[in-house]
Protein backbone atom coordinates (compact mmCIF):
# COMPACT_ATOMS: atom_id res chain seq x y z
CA MET A 1 112.81 106.28 139.63
CA LYS A 2 114.99 106.37 142.65
CA ALA A 3 117.95 104.97 140.71
CA LEU A 4 117.53 107.60 138.02
CA ASP A 5 117.42 110.26 140.73
CA SER A 6 120.71 109.05 142.06
CA LEU A 7 122.16 109.09 138.61
CA ARG A 8 121.02 112.72 138.11
CA ILE A 9 122.55 113.72 141.47
CA PHE A 10 125.85 112.12 140.56
CA VAL A 11 126.01 113.79 137.08
CA ILE A 12 125.15 117.17 138.57
CA VAL A 13 127.76 116.76 141.28
CA GLN A 14 130.31 116.11 138.66
CA ARG A 15 129.23 119.08 136.57
CA LYS A 16 129.12 121.49 139.50
CA GLY A 17 132.45 120.28 141.03
CA SER A 18 131.30 120.26 144.66
CA LEU A 19 128.64 118.90 146.98
CA SER A 20 127.50 122.35 148.11
CA ALA A 21 127.18 123.66 144.59
CA ALA A 22 125.17 120.63 143.53
CA GLY A 23 123.03 121.00 146.64
CA ARG A 24 122.11 124.52 145.70
CA SER A 25 121.14 123.38 142.14
CA LEU A 26 119.00 120.47 143.48
CA SER A 27 117.66 122.24 146.59
CA LEU A 28 119.24 119.42 148.72
CA SER A 29 121.68 119.65 151.56
CA PRO A 30 125.28 118.50 150.89
CA ALA A 31 124.85 115.81 153.54
CA THR A 32 121.81 114.41 151.64
CA ILE A 33 123.72 114.47 148.39
CA SER A 34 126.64 112.65 150.01
CA ARG A 35 124.42 109.98 151.32
CA ARG A 36 122.80 109.39 147.91
CA ILE A 37 126.21 109.07 146.19
CA SER A 38 127.47 106.68 148.98
CA ALA A 39 124.35 104.55 148.50
CA LEU A 40 125.04 104.47 144.75
CA GLU A 41 128.63 103.42 145.37
CA ASP A 42 127.53 100.69 147.71
CA GLU A 43 125.09 99.38 145.15
CA LEU A 44 127.79 99.41 142.38
CA GLY A 45 130.60 98.12 144.59
CA VAL A 46 133.01 100.89 143.43
CA GLN A 47 134.03 104.31 144.50
CA LEU A 48 132.75 107.04 142.14
CA VAL A 49 133.98 110.11 143.99
CA ASP A 50 137.35 110.78 145.71
CA ARG A 51 136.45 112.66 148.91
CA THR A 52 140.07 112.95 150.16
CA SER A 53 140.81 116.07 148.25
CA ARG A 54 139.53 119.55 149.05
CA ASN A 55 137.78 119.69 145.65
CA LEU A 56 135.42 116.87 144.70
CA LYS A 57 137.08 114.61 142.09
CA VAL A 58 135.48 111.76 140.11
CA THR A 59 137.48 108.50 140.20
CA GLU A 60 138.46 106.55 137.13
CA ALA A 61 135.60 104.13 137.73
CA GLY A 62 133.27 107.15 138.24
CA GLN A 63 134.32 108.64 134.90
CA ALA A 64 133.53 105.44 133.05
CA PHE A 65 130.21 105.27 134.91
CA LEU A 66 129.50 108.94 134.16
CA GLU A 67 129.61 108.46 130.33
CA HIS A 68 126.91 105.80 130.48
CA ALA A 69 124.88 107.67 133.17
CA GLU A 70 124.55 110.72 130.92
CA GLU A 71 123.44 108.51 128.01
CA VAL A 72 120.76 106.97 130.25
CA LEU A 73 119.49 110.24 131.41
CA GLU A 74 119.30 111.61 127.88
CA ALA A 75 117.39 108.52 126.75
CA MET A 76 115.01 108.93 129.71
CA ALA A 77 114.42 112.55 128.91
CA ARG A 78 113.44 111.62 125.40
CA ALA A 79 111.16 108.91 126.68
CA GLU A 80 109.44 111.30 129.07
CA GLU A 81 108.96 113.85 126.32
CA ALA A 82 107.43 111.25 124.07
CA ALA A 83 105.10 110.13 126.83
CA ARG A 84 104.02 113.69 127.45
CA ASN A 85 103.39 114.36 123.73
CA ALA A 86 101.39 111.12 123.40
CA LYS A 87 98.87 112.25 125.99
CA LEU A 88 98.55 115.73 124.46
CA LEU A 89 95.65 116.26 122.21
CA PRO A 90 95.61 118.76 119.29
CA GLU A 91 93.66 121.88 120.28
CA GLY A 92 93.24 125.56 119.70
CA ARG A 93 92.36 127.72 116.69
CA LEU A 94 93.40 126.45 113.23
CA ARG A 95 93.23 129.01 110.49
CA ILE A 96 93.13 127.51 106.91
CA HIS A 97 93.16 129.37 103.60
CA SER A 98 92.29 127.90 100.28
CA ARG A 99 91.29 128.97 96.68
CA THR A 100 87.51 129.04 96.52
CA GLN A 101 86.73 126.05 94.36
CA LEU A 102 89.36 123.91 95.96
CA GLY A 103 88.04 124.81 99.45
CA LEU A 104 84.46 124.10 98.48
CA ARG A 105 84.93 120.92 96.43
CA VAL A 106 87.87 119.23 98.18
CA ILE A 107 88.56 120.64 101.62
CA ALA A 108 85.10 121.55 103.03
CA PRO A 109 83.75 117.99 102.61
CA LEU A 110 86.58 116.69 104.78
CA LEU A 111 85.95 119.11 107.70
CA PRO A 112 83.12 117.31 109.50
CA GLY A 113 85.20 114.09 109.80
CA PHE A 114 88.26 116.09 110.96
CA ALA A 115 86.12 117.93 113.54
CA GLN A 116 84.77 114.64 114.84
CA ARG A 117 88.31 113.23 115.24
CA HIS A 118 89.68 116.45 116.81
CA PRO A 119 86.88 118.21 118.71
CA ASP A 120 89.20 120.47 120.58
CA ILE A 121 90.36 122.24 117.39
CA ARG A 122 88.42 125.32 116.37
CA LEU A 123 88.41 125.61 112.58
CA GLU A 124 88.50 128.74 110.53
CA LEU A 125 88.36 128.32 106.73
CA GLU A 126 88.85 131.38 104.51
CA LEU A 127 88.36 131.13 100.79
CA SER A 128 89.67 133.67 98.24
CA GLU A 129 91.17 133.90 94.81
CA HIS A 130 94.26 135.72 95.92
CA PRO A 131 97.54 134.35 97.32
CA VAL A 132 98.07 135.01 101.04
CA ASN A 133 101.04 135.67 103.30
CA LEU A 134 100.78 133.03 106.07
CA VAL A 135 102.74 135.02 108.59
CA GLU A 136 101.22 138.47 107.99
CA GLN A 137 97.77 137.18 107.71
CA ASP A 138 98.05 134.66 110.55
CA PHE A 139 97.20 131.52 108.66
CA ASP A 140 98.36 128.11 109.88
CA VAL A 141 97.92 126.25 106.56
CA ASP A 142 97.38 127.29 103.00
CA ILE A 143 95.95 124.76 100.54
CA ARG A 144 97.32 125.44 97.04
CA THR A 145 97.45 123.98 93.56
CA GLY A 146 100.62 123.85 91.58
CA GLU A 147 104.21 123.43 92.71
CA SER A 148 106.12 126.03 94.65
CA ASN A 149 109.84 126.50 95.33
CA ASP A 150 109.38 128.81 98.36
CA SER A 151 112.06 127.46 100.75
CA SER A 152 110.80 129.58 103.66
CA PHE A 153 107.81 127.25 104.11
CA VAL A 154 107.21 123.53 104.40
CA ILE A 155 105.32 122.30 101.19
CA LYS A 156 103.63 118.93 101.37
CA ARG A 157 101.99 117.29 98.30
CA LEU A 158 98.55 116.03 99.33
CA LEU A 159 97.30 114.80 96.03
CA SER A 160 98.37 114.51 92.38
CA SER A 161 95.73 116.21 90.27
CA ASP A 162 96.00 117.14 86.58
CA GLU A 163 93.89 119.73 84.95
CA VAL A 164 91.24 118.28 82.69
CA LEU A 165 88.97 119.67 79.93
CA VAL A 166 85.32 119.10 80.88
CA ALA A 167 81.88 119.87 79.38
CA SER A 168 78.30 118.72 79.85
CA PRO A 169 77.19 115.62 77.93
CA ALA A 170 74.59 117.77 76.18
CA PHE A 171 77.19 120.20 74.91
CA MET A 172 79.40 117.44 73.62
CA LYS A 173 76.53 115.85 71.77
CA VAL A 174 76.27 119.08 69.75
CA HIS A 175 80.11 119.46 69.28
CA LYS A 176 81.14 115.94 68.21
CA ARG A 177 83.64 117.34 65.77
CA ILE A 178 86.24 117.97 68.47
CA ARG A 179 89.11 115.57 67.72
CA HIS A 180 92.22 117.62 68.42
CA PRO A 181 93.16 120.48 70.72
CA ARG A 182 93.29 122.79 67.70
CA ASP A 183 89.52 122.33 67.38
CA LEU A 184 89.07 124.20 70.61
CA ALA A 185 89.44 127.47 68.75
CA GLU A 186 86.13 126.76 67.02
CA VAL A 187 84.01 125.96 70.10
CA ARG A 188 82.79 127.88 73.17
CA CYS A 189 85.29 127.83 75.95
CA LEU A 190 85.13 129.02 79.60
CA THR A 191 88.32 130.61 81.00
CA TYR A 192 89.84 131.46 84.26
CA ARG A 193 90.77 135.12 84.09
CA ARG A 194 93.71 136.38 86.07
CA GLU A 195 93.50 140.10 86.02
CA ARG A 196 93.69 141.16 82.36
CA GLU A 197 96.19 138.75 81.03
CA ALA A 198 95.38 136.74 77.91
CA THR A 199 94.30 133.07 78.37
CA THR A 200 96.47 130.32 76.98
CA TRP A 201 96.01 126.61 77.45
CA LYS A 202 98.94 124.23 77.16
CA TYR A 203 98.87 120.74 75.85
CA ILE A 204 101.23 117.92 74.97
CA ASP A 205 100.89 116.94 71.36
CA GLU A 206 101.39 113.50 69.75
CA GLU A 207 105.16 113.93 69.64
CA GLY A 208 105.38 114.78 73.28
CA VAL A 209 106.00 118.45 72.57
CA GLN A 210 104.37 121.16 74.65
CA GLN A 211 102.06 123.35 72.56
CA GLU A 212 100.04 126.53 73.44
CA LEU A 213 96.55 127.59 72.41
CA ALA A 214 95.33 131.15 72.66
CA ILE A 215 91.71 130.91 73.99
CA GLU A 216 89.38 133.79 73.65
CA GLY A 217 86.47 132.25 75.65
CA VAL A 218 82.80 133.14 75.59
CA MET A 219 82.91 133.66 79.31
CA SER A 220 85.68 134.22 81.91
CA ALA A 221 85.64 134.30 85.69
CA ASN A 222 88.17 134.52 88.42
CA ASN A 223 86.56 131.63 90.33
CA GLY A 224 86.82 127.98 89.29
CA GLU A 225 83.51 127.06 90.96
CA VAL A 226 81.68 129.54 88.62
CA LEU A 227 83.33 127.85 85.65
CA ARG A 228 82.29 124.43 86.92
CA LEU A 229 78.66 125.46 87.22
CA ALA A 230 78.76 127.06 83.77
CA ALA A 231 80.16 123.90 82.32
CA ILE A 232 77.43 121.87 83.93
CA GLY A 233 74.91 124.18 82.48
CA GLY A 234 76.16 123.60 78.92
CA MET A 235 77.80 126.91 78.34
CA GLY A 236 81.09 125.47 77.11
CA ILE A 237 84.30 123.67 77.87
CA ALA A 238 86.32 124.43 80.95
CA LEU A 239 89.88 123.52 82.01
CA LEU A 240 89.73 122.65 85.80
CA SER A 241 91.58 120.65 88.39
CA GLU A 242 90.58 117.04 88.20
CA ALA A 243 90.16 116.89 91.96
CA THR A 244 87.53 119.52 91.94
CA VAL A 245 85.37 117.93 89.25
CA ARG A 246 85.86 114.28 90.04
CA SER A 247 82.38 113.80 91.55
CA CYS A 248 80.83 115.36 88.44
CA LEU A 249 82.89 112.98 86.24
CA ASP A 250 81.85 110.09 88.34
CA ASP A 251 78.08 110.87 88.25
CA GLY A 252 78.09 111.91 84.56
CA THR A 253 77.24 115.50 85.18
CA LEU A 254 80.40 116.38 83.25
CA VAL A 255 82.50 114.41 80.74
CA ARG A 256 86.14 114.58 79.75
CA VAL A 257 87.04 116.38 76.53
CA LEU A 258 90.03 115.08 74.60
CA PRO A 259 91.04 112.65 77.33
CA ASP A 260 94.03 111.37 75.34
CA TYR A 261 95.81 114.70 75.74
CA ARG A 262 97.34 116.31 78.84
CA PHE A 263 96.28 119.95 79.41
CA ALA A 264 97.40 122.70 81.77
CA VAL A 265 97.03 126.41 82.32
CA ARG A 266 100.50 127.01 83.64
CA GLN A 267 102.39 123.81 84.39
CA PHE A 268 101.82 120.05 83.96
CA SER A 269 103.21 118.89 87.29
CA ASN A 270 100.04 119.77 89.13
CA GLY A 271 98.82 118.72 92.49
CA ILE A 272 97.23 119.95 95.74
CA TYR A 273 99.72 121.05 98.38
CA ALA A 274 99.56 122.06 102.02
CA VAL A 275 101.90 125.02 102.83
CA PHE A 276 102.77 125.85 106.40
CA ARG A 277 105.48 127.58 108.40
CA LYS A 278 108.73 125.92 109.29
CA SER A 279 109.15 125.09 112.97
CA ARG A 280 111.42 122.96 114.99
CA THR A 281 108.33 121.51 116.71
CA LEU A 282 105.35 121.43 114.31
CA PRO A 283 102.16 122.37 116.18
CA LEU A 284 100.04 119.28 116.77
CA LYS A 285 96.97 120.95 115.30
CA VAL A 286 98.73 121.59 112.00
CA ARG A 287 100.21 118.10 111.85
CA ALA A 288 96.84 116.63 112.60
CA PHE A 289 95.06 118.63 109.89
CA VAL A 290 97.68 118.00 107.18
CA ASP A 291 97.95 114.22 107.95
CA TYR A 292 94.16 113.93 107.99
CA VAL A 293 93.63 115.59 104.64
CA ALA A 294 96.47 113.57 103.05
CA GLU A 295 94.97 110.35 104.38
CA ALA A 296 91.46 111.23 103.27
CA LEU A 297 92.63 112.12 99.77
CA ARG A 298 94.59 108.95 99.48
CA GLU A 299 91.47 106.97 100.34
CA ARG A 300 89.69 108.63 97.45
CA GLY A 301 91.93 106.66 95.13
CA ALA A 302 94.58 109.16 93.94
CA PRO A 303 97.79 108.84 95.83
CA PRO A 304 100.05 111.91 96.41
């Protein structure tokens, strides 16, 4: 690193304009700086600094050398920063928010593996059915469903996940007549209730046109997990995110209803997203969590 130190000294001497000013900046004597530059000149075989004038002046050869010296120092600074970052481990408190069903069915099962990989991160997972303000409520990451155009945050798609109609096998044995979305008006449905607004389910018909159905519902809840359990219990048909009921579909606890149609509550371009604050340097703990969840969900067979 001695050669790099000599480069730094030469660059600072040029910037400061005198040996004494450079010495004060580097906490070295002017004589020491002069010797280091002379040694550099001897090694290169050219004069870098004209010492005949009262004010220090870089020679033509010194100016040519200076341009490359600055590039070398900048590259070395980047290399040193990369090395420091590589040895740093993600640590500290990580506050995560998620909707309840999504947190229980998708995020919570991934936490043990994440904690094993990153033991120095202290996890806090808060579940609710209300949107949160990451800044005001001091969350690092919010796990959401549905697209967002909020440019004040970074929004990363973790998983593509359509909404699907599901019911218990026993329920469907009794209601074999369901052949078209219009038939849903005649069977028991379970709806997600947002405040007091009416429930509508959207679907794409045979012509590719979006249609809407007004759904009364025999039961409503503001929690998707409640609807999942009610559907398993044979109470009716629920429209839920595929990611949250995948295991139930795999083990046969629930079955798809009208699988040839696409359904949605609000929009068809659904998915699971990680939302976090913009930063010039993304905290390692946030990057580690988002990358881990994205990787884990990809391994489940549904690419983002």
